Amino acid sequence: MGKEISQLETARLTITWSKQADLILRSYLGAQGMRKGDISKFIEEAVRWRIFHDTIQEARATFADVPPEELERMIADAVEEVRARRYRAGK
């Protein structure tokens, strides 16, 4: 995910939205010193953040009834398992 958008294969997307939203976005990007081509980058970042936020909210709802100590143990076990697999794969 660390690659720049120019290094990735891209897809074209056509969106329909209000003129007000378009004006607000273009004004915001202009005030930030960004240019027309930066709209795609901005939208892609916004989509990634929205999906990340929704994923976090879903995880919080799923584990809301799990006691903090048990959740910490589950996370530690998962991290340990991933590290063990990665270590074995590296040999």
N, C-alpha and C. Protein backbone atom coordinates (compact mmCIF):
# COMPACT_ATOMS: atom_id res chain seq x y z
N MET A 1 0.80 -1.20 0.00
CA MET A 1 0.00 0.00 0.00
C MET A 1 0.84 1.26 0.00
N GLY A 2 2.11 1.15 0.21
CA GLY A 2 2.96 2.30 0.29
C GLY A 2 3.32 2.90 -1.06
N LYS A 3 2.87 2.29 -2.15
CA LYS A 3 3.20 2.78 -3.48
C LYS A 3 2.40 4.03 -3.81
N GLU A 4 3.01 4.88 -4.60
CA GLU A 4 2.30 6.07 -5.06
C GLU A 4 1.29 5.65 -6.11
N ILE A 5 0.27 6.46 -6.30
CA ILE A 5 -0.78 6.14 -7.25
C ILE A 5 -0.23 5.98 -8.66
N SER A 6 0.81 6.73 -9.02
CA SER A 6 1.37 6.64 -10.36
C SER A 6 2.06 5.30 -10.59
N GLN A 7 2.46 4.62 -9.54
CA GLN A 7 3.13 3.33 -9.66
C GLN A 7 2.13 2.18 -9.72
N LEU A 8 0.89 2.44 -9.39
CA LEU A 8 -0.12 1.40 -9.37
C LEU A 8 -0.90 1.42 -10.67
N GLU A 9 -1.50 0.28 -10.97
CA GLU A 9 -2.43 0.26 -12.09
C GLU A 9 -3.66 1.03 -11.63
N THR A 10 -4.15 1.90 -12.47
CA THR A 10 -5.28 2.73 -12.08
C THR A 10 -6.54 2.35 -12.85
N ALA A 11 -7.67 2.73 -12.31
CA ALA A 11 -8.96 2.53 -12.97
C ALA A 11 -9.64 3.88 -13.08
N ARG A 12 -10.42 4.04 -14.11
CA ARG A 12 -11.14 5.29 -14.31
C ARG A 12 -12.51 5.18 -13.65
N LEU A 13 -12.93 6.25 -13.02
CA LEU A 13 -14.21 6.27 -12.30
C LEU A 13 -14.94 7.55 -12.65
N THR A 14 -16.19 7.42 -12.99
CA THR A 14 -17.02 8.59 -13.24
C THR A 14 -18.01 8.71 -12.09
N ILE A 15 -18.04 9.87 -11.47
CA ILE A 15 -18.97 10.07 -10.36
C ILE A 15 -19.91 11.23 -10.69
N THR A 16 -21.07 11.17 -10.11
CA THR A 16 -22.04 12.25 -10.23
C THR A 16 -22.31 12.75 -8.82
N TRP A 17 -22.10 14.03 -8.61
CA TRP A 17 -22.35 14.61 -7.30
C TRP A 17 -22.76 16.06 -7.45
N SER A 18 -23.12 16.66 -6.37
CA SER A 18 -23.66 18.02 -6.42
C SER A 18 -22.57 19.02 -6.82
N LYS A 19 -23.02 20.09 -7.46
CA LYS A 19 -22.09 21.17 -7.82
C LYS A 19 -21.51 21.80 -6.57
N GLN A 20 -22.31 21.83 -5.51
CA GLN A 20 -21.84 22.41 -4.25
C GLN A 20 -20.65 21.61 -3.71
N ALA A 21 -20.77 20.28 -3.69
CA ALA A 21 -19.67 19.43 -3.21
C ALA A 21 -18.43 19.61 -4.08
N ASP A 22 -18.64 19.72 -5.40
CA ASP A 22 -17.53 19.91 -6.32
C ASP A 22 -16.82 21.23 -6.04
N LEU A 23 -17.59 22.28 -5.87
CA LEU A 23 -17.02 23.60 -5.59
C LEU A 23 -16.27 23.60 -4.25
N ILE A 24 -16.87 22.98 -3.25
CA ILE A 24 -16.23 22.92 -1.93
C ILE A 24 -14.90 22.19 -2.02
N LEU A 25 -14.88 21.04 -2.70
CA LEU A 25 -13.65 20.26 -2.82
C LEU A 25 -12.59 21.04 -3.59
N ARG A 26 -12.96 21.59 -4.73
CA ARG A 26 -11.98 22.33 -5.54
C ARG A 26 -11.45 23.55 -4.79
N SER A 27 -12.31 24.23 -4.06
CA SER A 27 -11.87 25.38 -3.26
C SER A 27 -10.91 24.94 -2.17
N TYR A 28 -11.25 23.85 -1.51
CA TYR A 28 -10.39 23.32 -0.45
C TYR A 28 -9.03 22.93 -1.00
N LEU A 29 -9.02 22.17 -2.10
CA LEU A 29 -7.75 21.74 -2.68
C LEU A 29 -6.93 22.93 -3.15
N GLY A 30 -7.59 23.93 -3.73
CA GLY A 30 -6.89 25.13 -4.17
C GLY A 30 -6.27 25.88 -2.99
N ALA A 31 -6.99 25.96 -1.90
CA ALA A 31 -6.48 26.64 -0.70
C ALA A 31 -5.29 25.90 -0.10
N GLN A 32 -5.22 24.59 -0.35
CA GLN A 32 -4.11 23.78 0.15
C GLN A 32 -2.93 23.77 -0.82
N GLY A 33 -3.07 24.49 -1.94
CA GLY A 33 -2.00 24.54 -2.93
C GLY A 33 -1.99 23.33 -3.85
N MET A 34 -3.07 22.60 -3.86
CA MET A 34 -3.15 21.41 -4.71
C MET A 34 -3.73 21.81 -6.07
N ARG A 35 -3.48 20.95 -7.05
CA ARG A 35 -3.95 21.22 -8.41
C ARG A 35 -5.04 20.24 -8.81
N LYS A 36 -5.53 20.42 -10.03
CA LYS A 36 -6.63 19.61 -10.54
C LYS A 36 -6.36 18.11 -10.43
N GLY A 37 -5.18 17.67 -10.76
CA GLY A 37 -4.83 16.25 -10.72
C GLY A 37 -4.85 15.66 -9.33
N ASP A 38 -4.85 16.50 -8.32
CA ASP A 38 -4.84 16.02 -6.94
C ASP A 38 -6.22 15.55 -6.46
N ILE A 39 -7.26 15.82 -7.25
CA ILE A 39 -8.60 15.38 -6.86
C ILE A 39 -8.64 13.86 -6.73
N SER A 40 -8.06 13.16 -7.68
CA SER A 40 -8.06 11.68 -7.63
C SER A 40 -7.36 11.18 -6.38
N LYS A 41 -6.23 11.76 -6.06
CA LYS A 41 -5.50 11.35 -4.86
C LYS A 41 -6.33 11.61 -3.60
N PHE A 42 -6.97 12.77 -3.56
CA PHE A 42 -7.78 13.13 -2.41
C PHE A 42 -8.94 12.16 -2.24
N ILE A 43 -9.63 11.86 -3.33
CA ILE A 43 -10.77 10.94 -3.26
C ILE A 43 -10.32 9.54 -2.86
N GLU A 44 -9.21 9.07 -3.43
CA GLU A 44 -8.72 7.74 -3.07
C GLU A 44 -8.38 7.67 -1.58
N GLU A 45 -7.72 8.70 -1.07
CA GLU A 45 -7.39 8.72 0.36
C GLU A 45 -8.65 8.76 1.21
N ALA A 46 -9.65 9.54 0.79
CA ALA A 46 -10.91 9.62 1.53
C ALA A 46 -11.62 8.26 1.56
N VAL A 47 -11.59 7.55 0.45
CA VAL A 47 -12.21 6.22 0.39
C VAL A 47 -11.49 5.26 1.34
N ARG A 48 -10.16 5.28 1.31
CA ARG A 48 -9.39 4.40 2.20
C ARG A 48 -9.69 4.70 3.66
N TRP A 49 -9.73 5.99 4.02
CA TRP A 49 -10.03 6.37 5.41
C TRP A 49 -11.43 5.95 5.81
N ARG A 50 -12.40 6.08 4.90
CA ARG A 50 -13.78 5.70 5.22
C ARG A 50 -13.88 4.20 5.46
N ILE A 51 -13.24 3.41 4.61
CA ILE A 51 -13.26 1.96 4.78
C ILE A 51 -12.56 1.57 6.07
N PHE A 52 -11.42 2.20 6.36
CA PHE A 52 -10.70 1.95 7.60
C PHE A 52 -11.59 2.27 8.81
N HIS A 53 -12.22 3.43 8.79
CA HIS A 53 -13.09 3.86 9.89
C HIS A 53 -14.24 2.87 10.09
N ASP A 54 -14.89 2.47 8.99
CA ASP A 54 -16.00 1.52 9.09
C ASP A 54 -15.53 0.17 9.64
N THR A 55 -14.34 -0.26 9.23
CA THR A 55 -13.79 -1.52 9.72
C THR A 55 -13.53 -1.45 11.22
N ILE A 56 -12.98 -0.34 11.68
CA ILE A 56 -12.73 -0.14 13.11
C ILE A 56 -14.04 -0.15 13.88
N GLN A 57 -15.05 0.55 13.37
CA GLN A 57 -16.35 0.59 14.05
C GLN A 57 -16.96 -0.81 14.13
N GLU A 58 -16.84 -1.58 13.06
CA GLU A 58 -17.36 -2.95 13.05
C GLU A 58 -16.62 -3.82 14.07
N ALA A 59 -15.30 -3.68 14.14
CA ALA A 59 -14.52 -4.45 15.11
C ALA A 59 -14.91 -4.06 16.54
N ARG A 60 -15.08 -2.78 16.79
CA ARG A 60 -15.48 -2.33 18.13
C ARG A 60 -16.83 -2.91 18.52
N ALA A 61 -17.76 -2.93 17.58
CA ALA A 61 -19.09 -3.48 17.86
C ALA A 61 -19.01 -4.98 18.11
N THR A 62 -18.19 -5.67 17.32
CA THR A 62 -18.06 -7.12 17.45
C THR A 62 -17.48 -7.51 18.80
N PHE A 63 -16.50 -6.75 19.28
CA PHE A 63 -15.80 -7.11 20.51
C PHE A 63 -16.24 -6.27 21.72
N ALA A 64 -17.35 -5.57 21.61
CA ALA A 64 -17.81 -4.69 22.69
C ALA A 64 -18.05 -5.43 24.00
N ASP A 65 -18.47 -6.69 23.93
CA ASP A 65 -18.78 -7.46 25.14
C ASP A 65 -17.60 -8.27 25.67
N VAL A 66 -16.46 -8.17 25.00
CA VAL A 66 -15.28 -8.93 25.43
C VAL A 66 -14.54 -8.11 26.49
N PRO A 67 -14.25 -8.72 27.64
CA PRO A 67 -13.50 -8.00 28.68
C PRO A 67 -12.13 -7.55 28.15
N PRO A 68 -11.66 -6.38 28.57
CA PRO A 68 -10.39 -5.84 28.07
C PRO A 68 -9.21 -6.80 28.22
N GLU A 69 -9.14 -7.52 29.34
CA GLU A 69 -8.02 -8.44 29.56
C GLU A 69 -8.05 -9.57 28.52
N GLU A 70 -9.23 -10.09 28.25
CA GLU A 70 -9.36 -11.16 27.26
C GLU A 70 -9.03 -10.65 25.86
N LEU A 71 -9.45 -9.44 25.56
CA LEU A 71 -9.16 -8.85 24.26
C LEU A 71 -7.66 -8.65 24.09
N GLU A 72 -6.99 -8.17 25.13
CA GLU A 72 -5.53 -8.01 25.08
C GLU A 72 -4.85 -9.35 24.84
N ARG A 73 -5.34 -10.40 25.51
CA ARG A 73 -4.77 -11.73 25.34
C ARG A 73 -4.98 -12.22 23.91
N MET A 74 -6.17 -12.01 23.36
CA MET A 74 -6.47 -12.43 22.00
C MET A 74 -5.54 -11.72 21.00
N ILE A 75 -5.34 -10.43 21.21
CA ILE A 75 -4.46 -9.66 20.33
C ILE A 75 -3.02 -10.16 20.44
N ALA A 76 -2.55 -10.36 21.67
CA ALA A 76 -1.18 -10.85 21.88
C ALA A 76 -0.99 -12.22 21.24
N ASP A 77 -1.97 -13.11 21.38
CA ASP A 77 -1.89 -14.43 20.76
C ASP A 77 -1.82 -14.33 19.24
N ALA A 78 -2.64 -13.46 18.66
CA ALA A 78 -2.65 -13.30 17.21
C ALA A 78 -1.33 -12.73 16.71
N VAL A 79 -0.80 -11.74 17.41
CA VAL A 79 0.49 -11.16 17.03
C VAL A 79 1.59 -12.21 17.12
N GLU A 80 1.59 -12.98 18.19
CA GLU A 80 2.60 -14.03 18.37
C GLU A 80 2.52 -15.05 17.24
N GLU A 81 1.31 -15.45 16.87
CA GLU A 81 1.13 -16.43 15.80
C GLU A 81 1.64 -15.90 14.46
N VAL A 82 1.32 -14.65 14.15
CA VAL A 82 1.77 -14.05 12.89
C VAL A 82 3.29 -13.94 12.88
N ARG A 83 3.88 -13.52 13.97
CA ARG A 83 5.34 -13.41 14.03
C ARG A 83 6.01 -14.77 13.89
N ALA A 84 5.42 -15.79 14.50
CA ALA A 84 5.98 -17.14 14.39
C ALA A 84 5.93 -17.62 12.95
N ARG A 85 4.82 -17.39 12.27
CA ARG A 85 4.70 -17.79 10.86
C ARG A 85 5.68 -17.02 10.00
N ARG A 86 5.80 -15.74 10.25
CA ARG A 86 6.72 -14.92 9.46
C ARG A 86 8.16 -15.36 9.68
N TYR A 87 8.50 -15.68 10.93
CA TYR A 87 9.85 -16.13 11.24
C TYR A 87 10.15 -17.45 10.54
N ARG A 88 9.18 -18.39 10.58
CA ARG A 88 9.37 -19.67 9.90
C ARG A 88 9.48 -19.49 8.40
N ALA A 89 8.71 -18.60 7.83
CA ALA A 89 8.73 -18.37 6.38
C ALA A 89 10.05 -17.73 5.95
N GLY A 90 10.68 -16.99 6.83
CA GLY A 90 11.92 -16.31 6.50
C GLY A 90 13.13 -17.22 6.46
N LYS A 91 13.01 -18.42 7.02
CA LYS A 91 14.15 -19.33 7.06
C LYS A 91 14.34 -20.04 5.76
